[in-house]
């Protein structure tokens, strides 16, 4: 668990962009690993098997979040409407306040565009561009062909380009 915990949390956070959801996915992943470990037959690398579980938990999380009921705005406490994710990050040494705000806006637009992708497109895009996996590794994690991964990636990038083109003309 110690060897893989940071990577699992990183994948979950890259997929959800929410620290609490990422922690839920992390916990669910290791619960599933613990339960399924006696049946693991070393037909693949342990890490591949583990990351496949993370991806499946992320996809299940996305599906269950889509089915979750919504809370009317008037029922939400005012203090919880302040979302730190939409606030720009604090200025680092040497960065101008204008640049910090601009970086925050760009990050927000990219995250919004990623959220418009289908769950499979989002997983492939996240693993490739945020986590640095190669096409073959992603194919092994998702148990599909490299051509399928490339198709998901191509579609995701095309959707992202189209969405971001409207913002940055």
N, C-alpha and C. Protein backbone atom coordinates (compact mmCIF):
# COMPACT_ATOMS: atom_id res chain seq x y z
N UNK A 1 0.82 -1.19 0.00
CA UNK A 1 0.00 0.00 0.00
C UNK A 1 0.87 1.26 0.00
N UNK A 2 1.92 1.25 0.81
CA UNK A 2 2.78 2.43 0.90
C UNK A 2 3.48 2.72 -0.43
N UNK A 3 3.79 1.68 -1.17
CA UNK A 3 4.49 1.88 -2.44
C UNK A 3 3.62 2.59 -3.47
N UNK A 4 2.30 2.36 -3.42
CA UNK A 4 1.43 2.86 -4.48
C UNK A 4 0.45 3.94 -4.04
N UNK A 5 0.42 4.28 -2.76
CA UNK A 5 -0.65 5.17 -2.27
C UNK A 5 -0.62 6.54 -2.93
N UNK A 6 0.55 7.13 -3.11
CA UNK A 6 0.62 8.47 -3.72
C UNK A 6 0.14 8.44 -5.17
N UNK A 7 0.51 7.40 -5.90
CA UNK A 7 0.12 7.31 -7.31
C UNK A 7 -1.39 7.11 -7.42
N UNK A 8 -1.96 6.27 -6.57
CA UNK A 8 -3.41 6.06 -6.58
C UNK A 8 -4.14 7.36 -6.28
N UNK A 9 -3.69 8.07 -5.27
CA UNK A 9 -4.31 9.34 -4.92
C UNK A 9 -4.15 10.36 -6.05
N UNK A 10 -3.00 10.36 -6.68
CA UNK A 10 -2.75 11.27 -7.79
C UNK A 10 -3.69 11.01 -8.97
N UNK A 11 -3.87 9.75 -9.32
CA UNK A 11 -4.79 9.40 -10.41
C UNK A 11 -6.21 9.80 -10.04
N UNK A 12 -6.62 9.50 -8.82
CA UNK A 12 -7.97 9.85 -8.38
C UNK A 12 -8.19 11.36 -8.40
N UNK A 13 -7.21 12.10 -7.93
CA UNK A 13 -7.35 13.56 -7.92
C UNK A 13 -7.33 14.13 -9.33
N UNK A 14 -6.50 13.58 -10.20
CA UNK A 14 -6.48 14.03 -11.60
C UNK A 14 -7.83 13.81 -12.26
N UNK A 15 -8.47 12.72 -11.90
CA UNK A 15 -9.76 12.41 -12.50
C UNK A 15 -10.88 13.27 -11.92
N UNK A 16 -10.90 13.47 -10.62
CA UNK A 16 -12.03 14.17 -10.00
C UNK A 16 -11.81 15.65 -9.81
N UNK A 17 -10.56 16.05 -9.61
CA UNK A 17 -10.22 17.45 -9.30
C UNK A 17 -10.85 17.90 -7.99
N UNK A 18 -11.17 16.95 -7.13
CA UNK A 18 -11.76 17.27 -5.84
C UNK A 18 -11.04 16.42 -4.79
N UNK A 19 -10.39 17.06 -3.82
CA UNK A 19 -9.62 16.28 -2.83
C UNK A 19 -10.46 15.28 -2.04
N UNK A 20 -11.68 15.66 -1.69
CA UNK A 20 -12.52 14.74 -0.92
C UNK A 20 -12.95 13.54 -1.75
N UNK A 21 -13.35 13.77 -3.00
CA UNK A 21 -13.71 12.66 -3.87
C UNK A 21 -12.50 11.77 -4.14
N UNK A 22 -11.34 12.39 -4.31
CA UNK A 22 -10.12 11.62 -4.54
C UNK A 22 -9.82 10.70 -3.35
N UNK A 23 -10.02 11.21 -2.15
CA UNK A 23 -9.80 10.39 -0.95
C UNK A 23 -10.80 9.25 -0.87
N UNK A 24 -12.05 9.51 -1.27
CA UNK A 24 -13.06 8.44 -1.31
C UNK A 24 -12.66 7.35 -2.29
N UNK A 25 -12.20 7.77 -3.47
CA UNK A 25 -11.77 6.81 -4.49
C UNK A 25 -10.56 6.02 -4.00
N UNK A 26 -9.62 6.71 -3.37
CA UNK A 26 -8.43 6.08 -2.80
C UNK A 26 -8.85 4.98 -1.81
N UNK A 27 -9.74 5.34 -0.91
CA UNK A 27 -10.18 4.38 0.11
C UNK A 27 -10.91 3.20 -0.53
N UNK A 28 -11.81 3.48 -1.46
CA UNK A 28 -12.55 2.41 -2.13
C UNK A 28 -11.60 1.50 -2.91
N UNK A 29 -10.60 2.08 -3.54
CA UNK A 29 -9.63 1.30 -4.30
C UNK A 29 -8.91 0.30 -3.41
N UNK A 30 -8.40 0.78 -2.28
CA UNK A 30 -7.64 -0.13 -1.42
C UNK A 30 -8.54 -1.14 -0.70
N UNK A 31 -9.79 -0.80 -0.49
CA UNK A 31 -10.73 -1.80 0.03
C UNK A 31 -10.94 -2.91 -1.00
N UNK A 32 -11.12 -2.52 -2.25
CA UNK A 32 -11.30 -3.52 -3.31
C UNK A 32 -10.04 -4.37 -3.48
N UNK A 33 -8.88 -3.74 -3.41
CA UNK A 33 -7.63 -4.49 -3.53
C UNK A 33 -7.52 -5.50 -2.39
N UNK A 34 -7.81 -5.08 -1.19
CA UNK A 34 -7.73 -5.96 -0.02
C UNK A 34 -8.65 -7.16 -0.19
N UNK A 35 -9.88 -6.90 -0.65
CA UNK A 35 -10.85 -7.99 -0.81
C UNK A 35 -10.46 -8.93 -1.95
N UNK A 36 -9.88 -8.38 -3.03
CA UNK A 36 -9.58 -9.19 -4.20
C UNK A 36 -8.18 -9.79 -4.20
N UNK A 37 -7.35 -9.37 -3.26
CA UNK A 37 -5.95 -9.83 -3.24
C UNK A 37 -5.80 -11.36 -3.21
N UNK A 38 -6.62 -12.09 -2.45
CA UNK A 38 -6.45 -13.55 -2.48
C UNK A 38 -6.67 -14.16 -3.87
N UNK A 39 -7.44 -13.48 -4.72
CA UNK A 39 -7.69 -14.01 -6.06
C UNK A 39 -6.72 -13.51 -7.11
N UNK A 40 -5.79 -12.64 -6.74
CA UNK A 40 -4.81 -12.12 -7.69
C UNK A 40 -3.85 -13.24 -8.07
N UNK A 41 -3.75 -13.53 -9.38
CA UNK A 41 -2.97 -14.68 -9.83
C UNK A 41 -1.65 -14.30 -10.50
N UNK A 42 -1.24 -13.05 -10.40
CA UNK A 42 0.01 -12.59 -10.99
C UNK A 42 0.06 -12.82 -12.49
N UNK A 43 -1.12 -12.72 -13.15
CA UNK A 43 -1.18 -12.80 -14.60
C UNK A 43 -0.68 -11.51 -15.23
N UNK A 44 -0.61 -10.47 -14.43
CA UNK A 44 -0.07 -9.19 -14.88
C UNK A 44 0.72 -8.60 -13.72
N UNK A 45 1.34 -7.48 -13.98
CA UNK A 45 2.05 -6.79 -12.90
C UNK A 45 1.03 -6.35 -11.84
N UNK A 46 1.44 -6.37 -10.59
CA UNK A 46 0.55 -5.92 -9.53
C UNK A 46 0.12 -4.48 -9.75
N UNK A 47 1.07 -3.63 -10.16
CA UNK A 47 0.75 -2.22 -10.37
C UNK A 47 -0.30 -2.05 -11.47
N UNK A 48 -0.22 -2.81 -12.54
CA UNK A 48 -1.21 -2.73 -13.61
C UNK A 48 -2.58 -3.11 -13.08
N UNK A 49 -2.63 -4.18 -12.32
CA UNK A 49 -3.89 -4.64 -11.73
C UNK A 49 -4.45 -3.57 -10.79
N UNK A 50 -3.61 -2.99 -9.96
CA UNK A 50 -4.03 -1.95 -9.02
C UNK A 50 -4.56 -0.72 -9.76
N UNK A 51 -3.82 -0.26 -10.78
CA UNK A 51 -4.24 0.94 -11.51
C UNK A 51 -5.53 0.69 -12.30
N UNK A 52 -5.73 -0.54 -12.73
CA UNK A 52 -6.99 -0.89 -13.40
C UNK A 52 -8.15 -0.75 -12.40
N UNK A 53 -7.92 -1.15 -11.18
CA UNK A 53 -8.95 -0.99 -10.14
C UNK A 53 -9.23 0.49 -9.90
N UNK A 54 -8.17 1.30 -9.84
CA UNK A 54 -8.35 2.75 -9.64
C UNK A 54 -9.20 3.34 -10.76
N UNK A 55 -8.88 2.98 -11.98
CA UNK A 55 -9.63 3.50 -13.13
C UNK A 55 -11.10 3.08 -13.03
N UNK A 56 -11.35 1.82 -12.70
CA UNK A 56 -12.73 1.35 -12.58
C UNK A 56 -13.48 2.08 -11.46
N UNK A 57 -12.81 2.31 -10.35
CA UNK A 57 -13.45 3.04 -9.25
C UNK A 57 -13.74 4.48 -9.69
N UNK A 58 -12.82 5.09 -10.43
CA UNK A 58 -13.05 6.46 -10.94
C UNK A 58 -14.26 6.49 -11.85
N UNK A 59 -14.36 5.52 -12.75
CA UNK A 59 -15.50 5.47 -13.67
C UNK A 59 -16.81 5.24 -12.92
N UNK A 60 -16.78 4.34 -11.93
CA UNK A 60 -17.98 4.11 -11.12
C UNK A 60 -18.36 5.36 -10.34
N UNK A 61 -17.36 6.07 -9.84
CA UNK A 61 -17.62 7.30 -9.10
C UNK A 61 -18.31 8.32 -10.01
N UNK A 62 -17.83 8.43 -11.24
CA UNK A 62 -18.42 9.37 -12.19
C UNK A 62 -19.87 9.01 -12.47
N UNK A 63 -20.14 7.72 -12.66
CA UNK A 63 -21.51 7.28 -12.92
C UNK A 63 -22.42 7.56 -11.73
N UNK A 64 -21.95 7.25 -10.53
CA UNK A 64 -22.79 7.46 -9.35
C UNK A 64 -22.97 8.95 -9.06
N UNK A 65 -21.98 9.76 -9.37
CA UNK A 65 -22.12 11.21 -9.18
C UNK A 65 -23.15 11.78 -10.15
N UNK A 66 -23.21 11.21 -11.35
CA UNK A 66 -24.18 11.69 -12.33
C UNK A 66 -25.60 11.34 -11.89
N UNK A 67 -25.76 10.24 -11.16
CA UNK A 67 -27.09 9.84 -10.69
C UNK A 67 -27.48 10.50 -9.37
N UNK A 68 -26.50 11.10 -8.70
CA UNK A 68 -26.77 11.70 -7.40
C UNK A 68 -27.78 12.85 -7.54
N UNK A 69 -28.58 12.99 -6.54
CA UNK A 69 -29.56 14.08 -6.58
C UNK A 69 -28.87 15.40 -6.31
N UNK A 70 -29.51 16.46 -6.72
CA UNK A 70 -28.94 17.78 -6.51
C UNK A 70 -29.61 18.43 -5.31
N UNK A 71 -28.92 19.43 -4.74
CA UNK A 71 -29.45 20.21 -3.64
C UNK A 71 -29.82 21.59 -4.18
N UNK A 72 -31.06 22.02 -3.98
CA UNK A 72 -31.43 23.35 -4.46
C UNK A 72 -30.52 24.40 -3.84
N UNK A 73 -30.19 25.42 -4.62
CA UNK A 73 -29.27 26.45 -4.20
C UNK A 73 -29.70 27.11 -2.90
N UNK A 74 -30.98 27.29 -2.74
CA UNK A 74 -31.45 27.95 -1.52
C UNK A 74 -31.23 27.10 -0.26
N UNK A 75 -30.99 25.79 -0.44
CA UNK A 75 -30.74 24.91 0.70
C UNK A 75 -29.25 24.79 1.06
N UNK A 76 -28.39 25.39 0.24
CA UNK A 76 -26.95 25.31 0.47
C UNK A 76 -26.52 26.47 1.37
N UNK A 77 -25.80 26.18 2.47
CA UNK A 77 -25.34 27.26 3.33
C UNK A 77 -24.42 28.20 2.56
N UNK A 78 -24.54 29.49 2.85
CA UNK A 78 -23.79 30.50 2.11
C UNK A 78 -22.28 30.28 2.20
N UNK A 79 -21.79 29.88 3.38
CA UNK A 79 -20.34 29.71 3.55
C UNK A 79 -19.79 28.61 2.66
N UNK A 80 -20.61 27.64 2.26
CA UNK A 80 -20.10 26.56 1.42
C UNK A 80 -20.07 26.93 -0.06
N UNK A 81 -20.61 28.09 -0.40
CA UNK A 81 -20.59 28.53 -1.79
C UNK A 81 -19.24 29.09 -2.19
N UNK A 82 -18.42 29.40 -1.22
CA UNK A 82 -17.08 29.90 -1.52
C UNK A 82 -16.20 28.72 -1.88
N UNK A 83 -15.90 28.59 -3.14
CA UNK A 83 -15.15 27.44 -3.63
C UNK A 83 -13.69 27.81 -3.83
N UNK A 84 -12.79 27.24 -3.04
CA UNK A 84 -11.37 27.57 -3.20
C UNK A 84 -10.81 27.16 -4.56
N UNK A 85 -11.46 26.22 -5.25
CA UNK A 85 -10.98 25.79 -6.56
C UNK A 85 -11.07 26.90 -7.59
N UNK A 86 -12.04 27.81 -7.45
CA UNK A 86 -12.22 28.86 -8.43
C UNK A 86 -11.37 30.08 -8.12
N UNK A 87 -10.78 30.13 -6.94
CA UNK A 87 -9.91 31.24 -6.59
C UNK A 87 -8.53 30.97 -7.15
N UNK A 88 -7.87 32.00 -7.64
CA UNK A 88 -6.52 31.77 -8.15
C UNK A 88 -5.57 31.35 -7.03
N UNK A 89 -4.57 30.58 -7.41
CA UNK A 89 -3.57 30.15 -6.43
C UNK A 89 -2.78 31.36 -5.95
N UNK A 90 -2.25 31.30 -4.74
CA UNK A 90 -1.45 32.42 -4.26
C UNK A 90 -0.26 32.65 -5.16
N UNK A 91 0.12 33.90 -5.27
CA UNK A 91 1.23 34.25 -6.15
C UNK A 91 2.52 33.63 -5.63
N UNK A 92 3.24 33.01 -6.52
CA UNK A 92 4.53 32.46 -6.11
C UNK A 92 5.57 33.57 -6.22
N UNK A 93 6.73 33.32 -5.66
CA UNK A 93 7.78 34.33 -5.71
C UNK A 93 8.11 34.64 -7.16
N UNK A 94 8.11 35.89 -7.51
CA UNK A 94 8.47 36.30 -8.84
C UNK A 94 7.31 36.36 -9.82
N UNK A 95 6.16 35.75 -9.52
CA UNK A 95 5.02 35.77 -10.43
C UNK A 95 4.19 37.01 -10.15
N UNK A 96 3.79 37.67 -11.22
CA UNK A 96 2.97 38.87 -11.04
C UNK A 96 1.55 38.47 -10.69
N UNK A 97 0.82 39.33 -9.99
CA UNK A 97 -0.58 39.02 -9.67
C UNK A 97 -1.41 38.79 -10.93
N UNK A 98 -1.11 39.55 -11.99
CA UNK A 98 -1.86 39.38 -13.24
C UNK A 98 -1.63 37.98 -13.82
N UNK A 99 -0.38 37.53 -13.78
CA UNK A 99 -0.04 36.22 -14.31
C UNK A 99 -0.69 35.12 -13.47
N UNK A 100 -0.72 35.30 -12.17
CA UNK A 100 -1.34 34.33 -11.27
C UNK A 100 -2.83 34.20 -11.57
N UNK A 101 -3.49 35.33 -11.76
CA UNK A 101 -4.93 35.32 -12.09
C UNK A 101 -5.15 34.66 -13.44
N UNK A 102 -4.30 35.01 -14.42
CA UNK A 102 -4.42 34.43 -15.75
C UNK A 102 -4.23 32.92 -15.71
N UNK A 103 -3.22 32.45 -14.96
CA UNK A 103 -2.99 31.01 -14.83
C UNK A 103 -4.20 30.31 -14.20
N UNK A 104 -4.79 30.95 -13.20
CA UNK A 104 -5.98 30.38 -12.55
C UNK A 104 -7.15 30.28 -13.51
N UNK A 105 -7.31 31.28 -14.36
CA UNK A 105 -8.40 31.26 -15.34
C UNK A 105 -8.17 30.17 -16.38
N UNK A 106 -6.94 30.06 -16.86
CA UNK A 106 -6.63 29.03 -17.84
C UNK A 106 -6.89 27.65 -17.24
N UNK A 107 -6.41 27.43 -16.01
CA UNK A 107 -6.62 26.15 -15.32
C UNK A 107 -8.11 25.85 -15.19
N UNK A 108 -8.89 26.85 -14.83
CA UNK A 108 -10.34 26.67 -14.67
C UNK A 108 -10.99 26.27 -16.00
N UNK A 109 -10.60 26.93 -17.09
CA UNK A 109 -11.17 26.61 -18.40
C UNK A 109 -10.80 25.19 -18.84
N UNK A 110 -9.57 24.79 -18.57
CA UNK A 110 -9.16 23.43 -18.93
C UNK A 110 -9.94 22.41 -18.11
N UNK A 111 -10.08 22.64 -16.82
CA UNK A 111 -10.83 21.72 -15.96
C UNK A 111 -12.29 21.64 -16.40
N UNK A 112 -12.88 22.76 -16.78
CA UNK A 112 -14.27 22.75 -17.26
C UNK A 112 -14.37 21.95 -18.56
N UNK A 113 -13.39 22.11 -19.44
CA UNK A 113 -13.41 21.37 -20.70
C UNK A 113 -13.24 19.87 -20.46
N UNK A 114 -12.38 19.50 -19.53
CA UNK A 114 -12.20 18.08 -19.20
C UNK A 114 -13.50 17.49 -18.67
N UNK A 115 -14.24 18.26 -17.91
CA UNK A 115 -15.51 17.76 -17.34
C UNK A 115 -16.55 17.47 -18.41
N UNK A 116 -16.42 18.02 -19.61
CA UNK A 116 -17.39 17.77 -20.67
C UNK A 116 -17.13 16.46 -21.40
N UNK A 117 -15.99 15.84 -21.15
CA UNK A 117 -15.64 14.58 -21.81
C UNK A 117 -16.45 13.43 -21.22
N UNK A 118 -16.63 12.38 -22.03
CA UNK A 118 -17.27 11.17 -21.52
C UNK A 118 -16.34 10.55 -20.47
N UNK A 119 -16.85 9.68 -19.62
CA UNK A 119 -15.98 9.08 -18.60
C UNK A 119 -14.75 8.37 -19.19
N UNK A 120 -14.90 7.62 -20.25
CA UNK A 120 -13.75 6.93 -20.85
C UNK A 120 -12.76 7.92 -21.46
N UNK A 121 -13.27 8.93 -22.16
CA UNK A 121 -12.39 9.95 -22.73
C UNK A 121 -11.63 10.67 -21.62
N UNK A 122 -12.33 10.96 -20.54
CA UNK A 122 -11.71 11.66 -19.43
C UNK A 122 -10.61 10.83 -18.79
N UNK A 123 -10.85 9.53 -18.61
CA UNK A 123 -9.83 8.65 -18.02
C UNK A 123 -8.61 8.60 -18.93
N UNK A 124 -8.82 8.40 -20.22
CA UNK A 124 -7.70 8.31 -21.15
C UNK A 124 -6.94 9.63 -21.18
N UNK A 125 -7.65 10.74 -21.30
CA UNK A 125 -7.00 12.06 -21.34
C UNK A 125 -6.23 12.33 -20.06
N UNK A 126 -6.83 12.02 -18.92
CA UNK A 126 -6.20 12.24 -17.62
C UNK A 126 -4.95 11.39 -17.47
N UNK A 127 -5.05 10.11 -17.80
CA UNK A 127 -3.88 9.23 -17.66
C UNK A 127 -2.75 9.65 -18.60
N UNK A 128 -3.09 10.09 -19.80
CA UNK A 128 -2.06 10.47 -20.78
C UNK A 128 -1.44 11.83 -20.44
N UNK A 129 -2.28 12.84 -20.24
CA UNK A 129 -1.76 14.20 -20.14
C UNK A 129 -1.48 14.69 -18.72
N UNK A 130 -2.17 14.15 -17.73
CA UNK A 130 -1.92 14.58 -16.36
C UNK A 130 -1.02 13.61 -15.61
N UNK A 131 -1.10 12.33 -15.95
CA UNK A 131 -0.32 11.31 -15.24
C UNK A 131 0.88 10.81 -16.03
N UNK A 132 0.94 11.10 -17.33
CA UNK A 132 2.11 10.76 -18.13
C UNK A 132 2.21 9.31 -18.59
N UNK A 133 1.11 8.58 -18.60
CA UNK A 133 1.15 7.19 -19.06
C UNK A 133 1.28 7.14 -20.57
N UNK A 134 1.88 6.07 -21.07
CA UNK A 134 2.00 5.83 -22.51
C UNK A 134 0.73 5.13 -23.00
N UNK A 135 0.50 5.19 -24.31
CA UNK A 135 -0.69 4.59 -24.91
C UNK A 135 -0.81 3.11 -24.54
N UNK A 136 0.27 2.37 -24.65
CA UNK A 136 0.26 0.94 -24.32
C UNK A 136 -0.09 0.67 -22.87
N UNK A 137 0.41 1.51 -21.99
CA UNK A 137 0.11 1.35 -20.56
C UNK A 137 -1.37 1.62 -20.29
N UNK A 138 -1.90 2.63 -20.94
CA UNK A 138 -3.32 2.96 -20.76
C UNK A 138 -4.18 1.81 -21.30
N UNK A 139 -3.79 1.25 -22.44
CA UNK A 139 -4.53 0.13 -23.02
C UNK A 139 -4.54 -1.06 -22.05
N UNK A 140 -3.39 -1.32 -21.41
CA UNK A 140 -3.33 -2.42 -20.44
C UNK A 140 -4.21 -2.13 -19.23
N UNK A 141 -4.19 -0.89 -18.76
CA UNK A 141 -5.02 -0.53 -17.60
C UNK A 141 -6.50 -0.67 -17.90
N UNK A 142 -6.91 -0.27 -19.10
CA UNK A 142 -8.33 -0.30 -19.47
C UNK A 142 -8.75 -1.61 -20.11
N UNK A 143 -7.77 -2.50 -20.30
CA UNK A 143 -8.02 -3.80 -20.93
C UNK A 143 -8.69 -3.64 -22.29
N UNK A 144 -8.07 -2.82 -23.13
CA UNK A 144 -8.56 -2.61 -24.48
C UNK A 144 -7.36 -2.44 -25.40
N UNK A 145 -7.61 -2.32 -26.69
CA UNK A 145 -6.52 -2.17 -27.65
C UNK A 145 -5.97 -0.76 -27.67
N UNK A 146 -4.74 -0.65 -28.17
CA UNK A 146 -4.12 0.66 -28.28
C UNK A 146 -4.90 1.55 -29.24
N UNK A 147 -5.47 0.96 -30.28
CA UNK A 147 -6.28 1.72 -31.23
C UNK A 147 -7.50 2.36 -30.55
N UNK A 148 -8.08 1.63 -29.64
CA UNK A 148 -9.23 2.16 -28.89
C UNK A 148 -8.80 3.34 -28.02
N UNK A 149 -7.66 3.20 -27.37
CA UNK A 149 -7.14 4.30 -26.54
C UNK A 149 -6.87 5.52 -27.41
N UNK A 150 -6.24 5.29 -28.56
CA UNK A 150 -5.94 6.40 -29.46
C UNK A 150 -7.22 7.10 -29.94
N UNK A 151 -8.26 6.31 -30.20
CA UNK A 151 -9.53 6.90 -30.63
C UNK A 151 -10.13 7.76 -29.52
N UNK A 152 -10.15 7.24 -28.29
CA UNK A 152 -10.65 8.02 -27.16
C UNK A 152 -9.83 9.30 -26.98
N UNK A 153 -8.52 9.16 -27.09
CA UNK A 153 -7.63 10.30 -26.92
C UNK A 153 -7.84 11.33 -28.02
N UNK A 154 -7.96 10.87 -29.26
CA UNK A 154 -8.19 11.78 -30.38
C UNK A 154 -9.50 12.54 -30.20
N UNK A 155 -10.56 11.82 -29.84
CA UNK A 155 -11.86 12.45 -29.62
C UNK A 155 -11.80 13.45 -28.47
N UNK A 156 -11.14 13.05 -27.39
CA UNK A 156 -11.02 13.94 -26.22
C UNK A 156 -10.28 15.22 -26.59
N UNK A 157 -9.17 15.08 -27.29
CA UNK A 157 -8.39 16.26 -27.67
C UNK A 157 -9.19 17.15 -28.62
N UNK A 158 -9.91 16.55 -29.55
CA UNK A 158 -10.73 17.34 -30.47
C UNK A 158 -11.81 18.12 -29.72
N UNK A 159 -12.45 17.46 -28.76
CA UNK A 159 -13.48 18.13 -27.96
C UNK A 159 -12.88 19.26 -27.13
N UNK A 160 -11.71 18.99 -26.55
CA UNK A 160 -11.04 20.00 -25.74
C UNK A 160 -10.66 21.21 -26.60
N UNK A 161 -10.11 20.93 -27.78
CA UNK A 161 -9.72 22.02 -28.70
C UNK A 161 -10.93 22.88 -29.06
N UNK A 162 -12.02 22.21 -29.40
CA UNK A 162 -13.23 22.92 -29.81
C UNK A 162 -13.75 23.78 -28.66
N UNK A 163 -13.79 23.20 -27.48
CA UNK A 163 -14.29 23.92 -26.31
C UNK A 163 -13.39 25.10 -25.95
N UNK A 164 -12.09 24.89 -25.95
CA UNK A 164 -11.16 25.94 -25.56
C UNK A 164 -10.99 26.99 -26.65
N UNK A 165 -11.24 26.60 -27.90
CA UNK A 165 -11.15 27.57 -29.00
C UNK A 165 -12.18 28.67 -28.82
N UNK A 166 -13.38 28.30 -28.33
CA UNK A 166 -14.43 29.28 -28.08
C UNK A 166 -14.01 30.28 -27.00
N UNK A 167 -13.22 29.82 -26.06
CA UNK A 167 -12.80 30.67 -24.94
C UNK A 167 -11.63 31.56 -25.33
N UNK A 168 -10.68 30.98 -26.09
CA UNK A 168 -9.43 31.70 -26.41
C UNK A 168 -9.33 32.02 -27.90
N UNK A 169 -10.16 32.89 -28.37
CA UNK A 169 -10.07 33.33 -29.79
C UNK A 169 -9.24 34.54 -29.87
